C-alpha atoms as a PDB file:
ATOM      1  CA  MET A   1       0.176   0.067  -0.010  1.00  0.00           C
ATOM      2  CA  THR A   2       1.332   3.598  -1.062  1.00  0.00           C
ATOM      3  CA  ARG A   3       1.160   5.895   1.999  1.00  0.00           C
ATOM      4  CA  THR A   4       0.821   9.480   1.393  1.00  0.00           C
ATOM      5  CA  THR A   5       2.051  12.048   3.807  1.00  0.00           C
ATOM      6  CA  LEU A   6      -0.399  15.083   3.983  1.00  0.00           C
ATOM      7  CA  LEU A   7       1.505  18.061   5.465  1.00  0.00           C
ATOM      8  CA  CYS A   8      -1.090  20.311   7.371  1.00  0.00           C
ATOM      9  CA  PHE A   9      -0.745  24.127   7.682  1.00  0.00           C
ATOM     10  CA  PRO A  10      -2.714  25.941  10.060  1.00  0.00           C
ATOM     11  CA  TYR A  11      -4.885  29.135   9.440  1.00  0.00           C
ATOM     12  CA  ALA A  12      -4.144  32.438  11.154  1.00  0.00           C
ATOM     13  CA  GLY A  13      -3.433  32.187  14.971  1.00  0.00           C
ATOM     14  CA  ALA A  14      -3.829  28.329  15.159  1.00  0.00           C
ATOM     15  CA  GLY A  15      -1.126  25.884  15.896  1.00  0.00           C
ATOM     16  CA  PRO A  16      -0.821  21.931  15.101  1.00  0.00           C
ATOM     17  CA  SER A  17      -3.229  20.829  17.632  1.00  0.00           C
ATOM     18  CA  VAL A  18      -5.947  21.997  15.411  1.00  0.00           C
ATOM     19  CA  TYR A  19      -5.242  18.958  13.473  1.00  0.00           C
ATOM     20  CA  GLN A  20      -4.684  16.228  15.741  1.00  0.00           C
ATOM     21  CA  PRO A  21      -8.021  14.583  15.480  1.00  0.00           C
ATOM     22  CA  TRP A  22      -7.340  13.922  11.704  1.00  0.00           C
ATOM     23  CA  ARG A  23      -4.617  11.663  13.074  1.00  0.00           C
ATOM     24  CA  ARG A  24      -7.225   9.233  14.295  1.00  0.00           C
ATOM     25  CA  LEU A  25      -9.866   9.675  11.727  1.00  0.00           C
ATOM     26  CA  ALA A  26      -7.537   9.321   8.934  1.00  0.00           C
ATOM     27  CA  PRO A  27      -7.861   5.977   6.711  1.00  0.00           C
ATOM     28  CA  PRO A  28      -4.340   3.707   6.978  1.00  0.00           C
ATOM     29  CA  GLU A  29      -2.882   4.914   3.297  1.00  0.00           C
ATOM     30  CA  LEU A  30      -2.910   8.829   4.668  1.00  0.00           C
ATOM     31  CA  GLU A  31      -0.499  10.048   7.625  1.00  0.00           C
ATOM     32  CA  VAL A  32      -1.378  13.179   8.575  1.00  0.00           C
ATOM     33  CA  ALA A  33       1.717  15.282   9.790  1.00  0.00           C
ATOM     34  CA  PRO A  34       0.993  19.044  10.997  1.00  0.00           C
ATOM     35  CA  VAL A  35       3.357  21.399  10.621  1.00  0.00           C
ATOM     36  CA  SER A  36       4.351  23.615  13.890  1.00  0.00           C
ATOM     37  CA  LEU A  37       4.739  27.474  13.122  1.00  0.00           C
ATOM     38  CA  PRO A  38       6.653  29.506  15.761  1.00  0.00           C
ATOM     39  CA  GLY A  39       4.919  31.731  18.112  1.00  0.00           C
ATOM     40  CA  ARG A  40       2.031  29.133  19.182  1.00  0.00           C
ATOM     41  CA  GLU A  41       1.928  25.797  21.240  1.00  0.00           C
ATOM     42  CA  LYS A  42       5.290  24.338  21.730  1.00  0.00           C
ATOM     43  CA  ARG A  43       6.875  27.112  19.742  1.00  0.00           C
ATOM     44  CA  PHE A  44       5.346  29.441  21.654  1.00  0.00           C
ATOM     45  CA  VAL A  45       8.367  31.559  22.806  1.00  0.00           C
ATOM     46  CA  GLU A  46       9.755  31.781  19.409  1.00  0.00           C
ATOM     47  CA  GLU A  47       9.460  35.047  17.216  1.00  0.00           C
ATOM     48  CA  PRO A  48       6.926  34.042  14.656  1.00  0.00           C
ATOM     49  CA  TYR A  49       7.190  34.645  10.790  1.00  0.00           C
ATOM     50  CA  ARG A  50       5.806  38.193   9.402  1.00  0.00           C
ATOM     51  CA  ARG A  51       6.890  37.328   5.781  1.00  0.00           C
ATOM     52  CA  MET A  52       5.782  34.751   3.524  1.00  0.00           C
ATOM     53  CA  GLU A  53       9.413  33.935   1.946  1.00  0.00           C
ATOM     54  CA  GLN A  54      10.817  33.787   5.751  1.00  0.00           C
ATOM     55  CA  ALA A  55       8.134  31.377   6.856  1.00  0.00           C
ATOM     56  CA  VAL A  56       9.086  28.858   3.775  1.00  0.00           C
ATOM     57  CA  ASP A  57      12.686  29.389   4.125  1.00  0.00           C
ATOM     58  CA  GLY A  58      12.312  28.731   8.165  1.00  0.00           C
ATOM     59  CA  LEU A  59       9.857  25.841   7.964  1.00  0.00           C
ATOM     60  CA  LEU A  60      11.713  24.056   4.806  1.00  0.00           C
ATOM     61  CA  ASP A  61      13.956  21.697   7.564  1.00  0.00           C
ATOM     62  CA  GLU A  62      10.787  20.575   9.420  1.00  0.00           C
ATOM     63  CA  VAL A  63       9.036  19.776   6.592  1.00  0.00           C
ATOM     64  CA  LEU A  64      11.635  17.960   4.755  1.00  0.00           C
ATOM     65  CA  GLU A  65      12.145  16.244   8.552  1.00  0.00           C
ATOM     66  CA  LEU A  66       8.120  15.107   8.303  1.00  0.00           C
ATOM     67  CA  VAL A  67       8.549  13.793   4.979  1.00  0.00           C
ATOM     68  CA  ALA A  68      11.560  11.789   4.887  1.00  0.00           C
ATOM     69  CA  GLY A  69      10.904   8.184   3.661  1.00  0.00           C
ATOM     70  CA  ALA A  70       7.624   9.305   2.724  1.00  0.00           C
ATOM     71  CA  ASP A  71       6.024   7.353  -0.532  1.00  0.00           C
ATOM     72  CA  ARG A  72       4.633  10.469  -1.761  1.00  0.00           C
ATOM     73  CA  VAL A  73       3.493  13.974  -0.043  1.00  0.00           C
ATOM     74  CA  ALA A  74       0.445  15.540  -0.328  1.00  0.00           C
ATOM     75  CA  LEU A  75      -0.202  19.173   1.327  1.00  0.00           C
ATOM     76  CA  PHE A  76      -3.405  20.639   2.796  1.00  0.00           C
ATOM     77  CA  GLY A  77      -3.782  24.330   4.210  1.00  0.00           C
ATOM     78  CA  HIS A  78      -6.350  26.684   5.220  1.00  0.00           C
ATOM     79  CA  SER A  79      -7.238  30.213   4.762  1.00  0.00           C
ATOM     80  CA  MET A  80      -3.559  31.906   5.427  1.00  0.00           C
ATOM     81  CA  GLY A  81      -2.366  28.076   5.710  1.00  0.00           C
ATOM     82  CA  ALA A  82      -3.427  27.629   1.867  1.00  0.00           C
ATOM     83  CA  VAL A  83      -1.106  30.063   0.654  1.00  0.00           C
ATOM     84  CA  LEU A  84       1.808  28.972   2.756  1.00  0.00           C
ATOM     85  CA  ALA A  85       0.763  25.391   1.632  1.00  0.00           C
ATOM     86  CA  TYR A  86       0.971  26.271  -2.204  1.00  0.00           C
ATOM     87  CA  GLU A  87       4.276  28.487  -1.698  1.00  0.00           C
ATOM     88  CA  MET A  88       5.953  25.238   0.120  1.00  0.00           C
ATOM     89  CA  THR A  89       4.476  22.852  -2.621  1.00  0.00           C
ATOM     90  CA  ARG A  90       6.587  25.239  -5.075  1.00  0.00           C
ATOM     91  CA  ARG A  91      10.020  25.041  -2.990  1.00  0.00           C
ATOM     92  CA  LEU A  92       9.321  21.204  -2.388  1.00  0.00           C
ATOM     93  CA  THR A  93       8.840  20.763  -6.362  1.00  0.00           C
ATOM     94  CA  GLY A  94      12.099  21.600  -6.653  1.00  0.00           C
ATOM     95  CA  THR A  95      13.598  19.249  -3.902  1.00  0.00           C
ATOM     96  CA  ALA A  96      15.487  16.087  -4.982  1.00  0.00           C
ATOM     97  CA  GLY A  97      13.902  13.050  -3.270  1.00  0.00           C
ATOM     98  CA  VAL A  98      10.364  14.376  -2.469  1.00  0.00           C
ATOM     99  CA  THR A  99       7.303  13.626  -4.619  1.00  0.00           C
ATOM    100  CA  VAL A 100       4.700  15.666  -4.284  1.00  0.00           C
ATOM    101  CA  ALA A 101       1.233  14.285  -5.371  1.00  0.00           C
ATOM    102  CA  HIS A 102      -1.440  16.966  -4.465  1.00  0.00           C
ATOM    103  CA  LEU A 103      -1.878  20.385  -3.255  1.00  0.00           C
ATOM    104  CA  PHE A 104      -5.161  21.044  -1.056  1.00  0.00           C
ATOM    105  CA  VAL A 105      -5.926  24.633  -0.540  1.00  0.00           C
ATOM    106  CA  SER A 106      -8.964  25.443   1.672  1.00  0.00           C
ATOM    107  CA  GLY A 107     -10.972  28.714   2.655  1.00  0.00           C
ATOM    108  CA  SER A 108      -9.020  31.058   0.373  1.00  0.00           C
ATOM    109  CA  PRO A 109      -9.121  33.017  -2.784  1.00  0.00           C
ATOM    110  CA  ASP A 110      -6.425  32.419  -4.925  1.00  0.00           C
ATOM    111  CA  PRO A 111      -2.857  33.916  -4.626  1.00  0.00           C
ATOM    112  CA  TRP A 112      -3.448  37.083  -6.601  1.00  0.00           C
ATOM    113  CA  SER A 113      -6.866  37.982  -4.433  1.00  0.00           C
ATOM    114  CA  GLY A 114      -5.500  40.472  -1.692  1.00  0.00           C
ATOM    115  CA  ARG A 115      -8.242  41.712   0.567  1.00  0.00           C
ATOM    116  CA  ASP A 116      -9.934  45.082  -0.052  1.00  0.00           C
ATOM    117  CA  ARG A 117      -9.702  46.001   3.617  1.00  0.00           C
ATOM    118  CA  THR A 118      -6.532  44.976   6.156  1.00  0.00           C
ATOM    119  CA  ALA A 119      -6.384  44.664   9.746  1.00  0.00           C
ATOM    120  CA  ALA A 120      -2.664  44.131  10.835  1.00  0.00           C
ATOM    121  CA  ASP A 121      -2.100  47.864  11.527  1.00  0.00           C
ATOM    122  CA  LEU A 122      -5.248  48.225  13.644  1.00  0.00           C
ATOM    123  CA  PRO A 123      -5.492  49.103  17.556  1.00  0.00           C
ATOM    124  CA  ASP A 124      -5.984  46.035  19.390  1.00  0.00           C
ATOM    125  CA  ASP A 125      -9.947  46.017  19.930  1.00  0.00           C
ATOM    126  CA  GLU A 126     -10.465  47.108  16.050  1.00  0.00           C
ATOM    127  CA  PHE A 127      -7.863  44.468  15.014  1.00  0.00           C
ATOM    128  CA  VAL A 128      -9.879  41.536  16.973  1.00  0.00           C
ATOM    129  CA  ALA A 129     -12.984  42.741  15.427  1.00  0.00           C
ATOM    130  CA  ARG A 130     -11.573  42.821  11.831  1.00  0.00           C
ATOM    131  CA  VAL A 131     -10.191  39.319  12.291  1.00  0.00           C
ATOM    132  CA  GLU A 132     -13.261  37.892  13.714  1.00  0.00           C
ATOM    133  CA  GLU A 133     -14.864  39.409  10.527  1.00  0.00           C
ATOM    134  CA  PHE A 134     -12.404  37.851   8.416  1.00  0.00           C
ATOM    135  CA  ALA A 135     -12.381  34.293  10.264  1.00  0.00           C
ATOM    136  CA  GLY A 136     -16.235  34.404  10.507  1.00  0.00           C
ATOM    137  CA  TYR A 137     -16.056  33.053  14.117  1.00  0.00           C
ATOM    138  CA  THR A 138     -14.991  34.306  17.572  1.00  0.00           C
ATOM    139  CA  HIS A 139     -12.362  32.583  19.127  1.00  0.00           C
ATOM    140  CA  PRO A 140     -13.085  32.368  22.879  1.00  0.00           C
ATOM    141  CA  ALA A 141      -9.507  32.960  24.311  1.00  0.00           C
ATOM    142  CA  LEU A 142      -9.399  36.645  22.811  1.00  0.00           C
ATOM    143  CA  GLU A 143     -12.566  37.479  25.362  1.00  0.00           C
ATOM    144  CA  ASP A 144     -10.012  36.874  28.219  1.00  0.00           C
ATOM    145  CA  PRO A 145      -7.747  40.087  28.704  1.00  0.00           C
ATOM    146  CA  ASP A 146      -4.769  37.828  29.782  1.00  0.00           C
ATOM    147  CA  MET A 147      -5.080  35.377  27.081  1.00  0.00           C
ATOM    148  CA  ARG A 148      -5.595  38.061  24.749  1.00  0.00           C
ATOM    149  CA  GLU A 149      -2.231  39.639  25.916  1.00  0.00           C
ATOM    150  CA  LEU A 150      -0.390  36.336  24.895  1.00  0.00           C
ATOM    151  CA  LEU A 151      -2.014  36.044  21.619  1.00  0.00           C
ATOM    152  CA  LEU A 152      -2.263  39.039  20.077  1.00  0.00           C
ATOM    153  CA  PRO A 153       1.217  39.303  18.865  1.00  0.00           C
ATOM    154  CA  GLY A 154       1.520  35.863  17.239  1.00  0.00           C
ATOM    155  CA  LEU A 155      -2.068  36.404  15.960  1.00  0.00           C
ATOM    156  CA  ARG A 156      -1.029  39.867  14.483  1.00  0.00           C
ATOM    157  CA  ALA A 157       2.467  38.559  12.914  1.00  0.00           C
ATOM    158  CA  ASP A 158      -0.105  35.916  11.138  1.00  0.00           C
ATOM    159  CA  VAL A 159      -2.374  38.392   9.633  1.00  0.00           C
ATOM    160  CA  GLU A 160       0.552  40.556   8.639  1.00  0.00           C
ATOM    161  CA  LEU A 161       2.212  37.663   6.670  1.00  0.00           C
ATOM    162  CA  HIS A 162      -1.152  37.064   4.864  1.00  0.00           C
ATOM    163  CA  GLU A 163      -2.114  40.552   4.156  1.00  0.00           C
ATOM    164  CA  THR A 164       1.620  41.329   2.673  1.00  0.00           C
ATOM    165  CA  TYR A 165       1.758  37.903   0.469  1.00  0.00           C
ATOM    166  CA  ARG A 166       2.373  38.298  -3.183  1.00  0.00           C
ATOM    167  CA  PRO A 167       3.010  35.198  -5.020  1.00  0.00           C
ATOM    168  CA  ALA A 168       6.815  34.321  -5.337  1.00  0.00           C
ATOM    169  CA  SER A 169       6.039  33.352  -9.129  1.00  0.00           C
ATOM    170  CA  ASP A 170       3.740  33.367 -11.674  1.00  0.00           C
ATOM    171  CA  LYS A 171       4.970  29.856 -12.846  1.00  0.00           C
ATOM    172  CA  ARG A 172       2.249  27.025 -13.034  1.00  0.00           C
ATOM    173  CA  ILE A 173       3.559  24.123 -10.643  1.00  0.00           C
ATOM    174  CA  GLU A 174       3.168  20.493 -12.323  1.00  0.00           C
ATOM    175  CA  VAL A 175       0.880  19.553  -9.030  1.00  0.00           C
ATOM    176  CA  PRO A 176      -2.504  18.724  -9.295  1.00  0.00           C
ATOM    177  CA  VAL A 177      -4.712  21.143  -7.022  1.00  0.00           C
ATOM    178  CA  THR A 178      -7.923  21.015  -5.342  1.00  0.00           C
ATOM    179  CA  ALA A 179      -9.508  24.083  -4.013  1.00  0.00           C
ATOM    180  CA  LEU A 180     -12.278  23.563  -1.252  1.00  0.00           C
ATOM    181  CA  ARG A 181     -14.909  25.722   0.750  1.00  0.00           C
ATOM    182  CA  GLY A 182     -17.588  25.258   3.004  1.00  0.00           C
ATOM    183  CA  GLU A 183     -21.092  25.097   1.331  1.00  0.00           C
ATOM    184  CA  GLU A 184     -22.311  28.078   3.731  1.00  0.00           C
ATOM    185  CA  ASP A 185     -18.880  29.709   3.699  1.00  0.00           C
ATOM    186  CA  THR A 186     -19.923  33.804   3.306  1.00  0.00           C
ATOM    187  CA  LEU A 187     -15.945  34.896   3.254  1.00  0.00           C
ATOM    188  CA  VAL A 188     -14.869  32.734   0.248  1.00  0.00           C
ATOM    189  CA  ALA A 189     -17.105  32.605  -2.646  1.00  0.00           C
ATOM    190  CA  ASP A 190     -16.742  29.687  -5.721  1.00  0.00           C
ATOM    191  CA  ALA A 191     -15.591  32.096  -7.751  1.00  0.00           C
ATOM    192  CA  ALA A 192     -12.683  32.503  -5.861  1.00  0.00           C
ATOM    193  CA  LEU A 193     -11.923  29.164  -5.839  1.00  0.00           C
ATOM    194  CA  ILE A 194     -11.714  29.099  -9.166  1.00  0.00           C
ATOM    195  CA  GLY A 195      -8.566  31.293  -9.564  1.00  0.00           C
ATOM    196  CA  TRP A 196      -6.368  28.767  -7.791  1.00  0.00           C
ATOM    197  CA  GLU A 197      -7.030  26.822 -11.265  1.00  0.00           C
ATOM    198  CA  ARG A 198      -4.258  29.363 -12.528  1.00  0.00           C
ATOM    199  CA  VAL A 199      -1.599  27.983 -10.364  1.00  0.00           C
ATOM    200  CA  THR A 200      -1.054  24.409 -11.901  1.00  0.00           C
ATOM    201  CA  SER A 201      -0.553  22.858 -15.524  1.00  0.00           C
ATOM    202  CA  ALA A 202      -1.027  19.335 -13.886  1.00  0.00           C
ATOM    203  CA  GLY A 203      -5.034  19.337 -13.087  1.00  0.00           C
ATOM    204  CA  PHE A 204      -7.643  21.363 -11.226  1.00  0.00           C
ATOM    205  CA  ALA A 205     -10.874  20.567  -9.157  1.00  0.00           C
ATOM    206  CA  ALA A 206     -12.801  22.913  -6.866  1.00  0.00           C
ATOM    207  CA  ARG A 207     -14.862  21.260  -4.029  1.00  0.00           C
ATOM    208  CA  ARG A 208     -17.432  21.878  -1.318  1.00  0.00           C
ATOM    209  CA  VAL A 209     -17.934  20.602   1.966  1.00  0.00           C
ATOM    210  CA  PRO A 210     -21.038  20.584   4.515  1.00  0.00           C
ATOM    211  CA  GLY A 211     -20.374  23.566   6.595  1.00  0.00           C
ATOM    212  CA  GLY A 212     -19.089  27.226   6.961  1.00  0.00           C
ATOM    213  CA  HIS A 213     -15.342  29.178   6.698  1.00  0.00           C
ATOM    214  CA  MET A 214     -14.589  26.706   9.552  1.00  0.00           C
ATOM    215  CA  TYR A 215     -15.965  23.334   8.038  1.00  0.00           C
ATOM    216  CA  LEU A 216     -12.697  21.547   8.365  1.00  0.00           C
ATOM    217  CA  ALA A 217     -13.252  21.741  12.325  1.00  0.00           C
ATOM    218  CA  ASP A 218     -16.642  20.439  12.179  1.00  0.00           C
ATOM    219  CA  SER A 219     -16.866  17.815   9.271  1.00  0.00           C
ATOM    220  CA  PRO A 220     -12.946  16.720   9.513  1.00  0.00           C
ATOM    221  CA  ALA A 221     -14.226  13.020   8.592  1.00  0.00           C
ATOM    222  CA  VAL A 222     -16.090  14.118   5.502  1.00  0.00           C
ATOM    223  CA  LEU A 223     -12.806  15.930   4.418  1.00  0.00           C
ATOM    224  CA  LEU A 224     -10.627  13.409   5.095  1.00  0.00           C
ATOM    225  CA  ASP A 225     -12.561  11.120   2.861  1.00  0.00           C
ATOM    226  CA  LEU A 226     -12.637  13.690   0.058  1.00  0.00           C
ATOM    227  CA  VAL A 227      -8.633  14.000   0.210  1.00  0.00           C
ATOM    228  CA  ARG A 228      -8.617  10.157   0.036  1.00  0.00           C
ATOM    229  CA  ARG A 229     -10.693   9.946  -2.885  1.00  0.00           C
ATOM    230  CA  GLU A 230      -8.810  12.686  -4.545  1.00  0.00           C
ATOM    231  CA  LEU A 231      -5.554  10.849  -4.105  1.00  0.00           C
ATOM    232  CA  ALA A 232      -6.743   8.093  -5.343  1.00  0.00           C
ATOM    233  CA  GLY A 233      -7.359   9.452  -8.636  1.00  0.00           C
END
């Protein structure tokens, strides 16, 4: 049986633990490998990334360790994690010994569609309100003053990374791409997903999953089954 290592990149403000439940839900042919960014969870004391190139450079060694010996590799990212997964895919396709089989981008418009309104430079209260608007949900920890003080620097850095992001290249990758959104997602429309077709010369599909913008937390089993079927071709 060919096993695929699925590298999972978190959305802004999140850490690798958001993907831990996937490990017990994944089919035998899929190994879920959450990627750990600095500024959160076990890497909380480390300075978070603020630019995409810095993130890709900084995470490359960790990613290569996660995929060492893998039969093949797929990448999944949600929202900010989608563009990070895309840029990491571009980097990995030029790395000897790594076979990238698929890229899954979730809850994100294509790399050329920036936001009309930004948040990174807003005062704290306005920043939190704007991020909640972008994310489509309220993070309970941000309601606690002490927790908010701890979490805001990392969240600001993530938002800055996302808002300053511009694609490293317009050259198409030779990796199949599946773009995903929740059926009730009011933040990312179907039309925004279609733009991802521009990134690949190896096949593209747009798929809907039950739920809203954060469907991946509500319907992980459905999502993982979709990933399995896409990888099976």
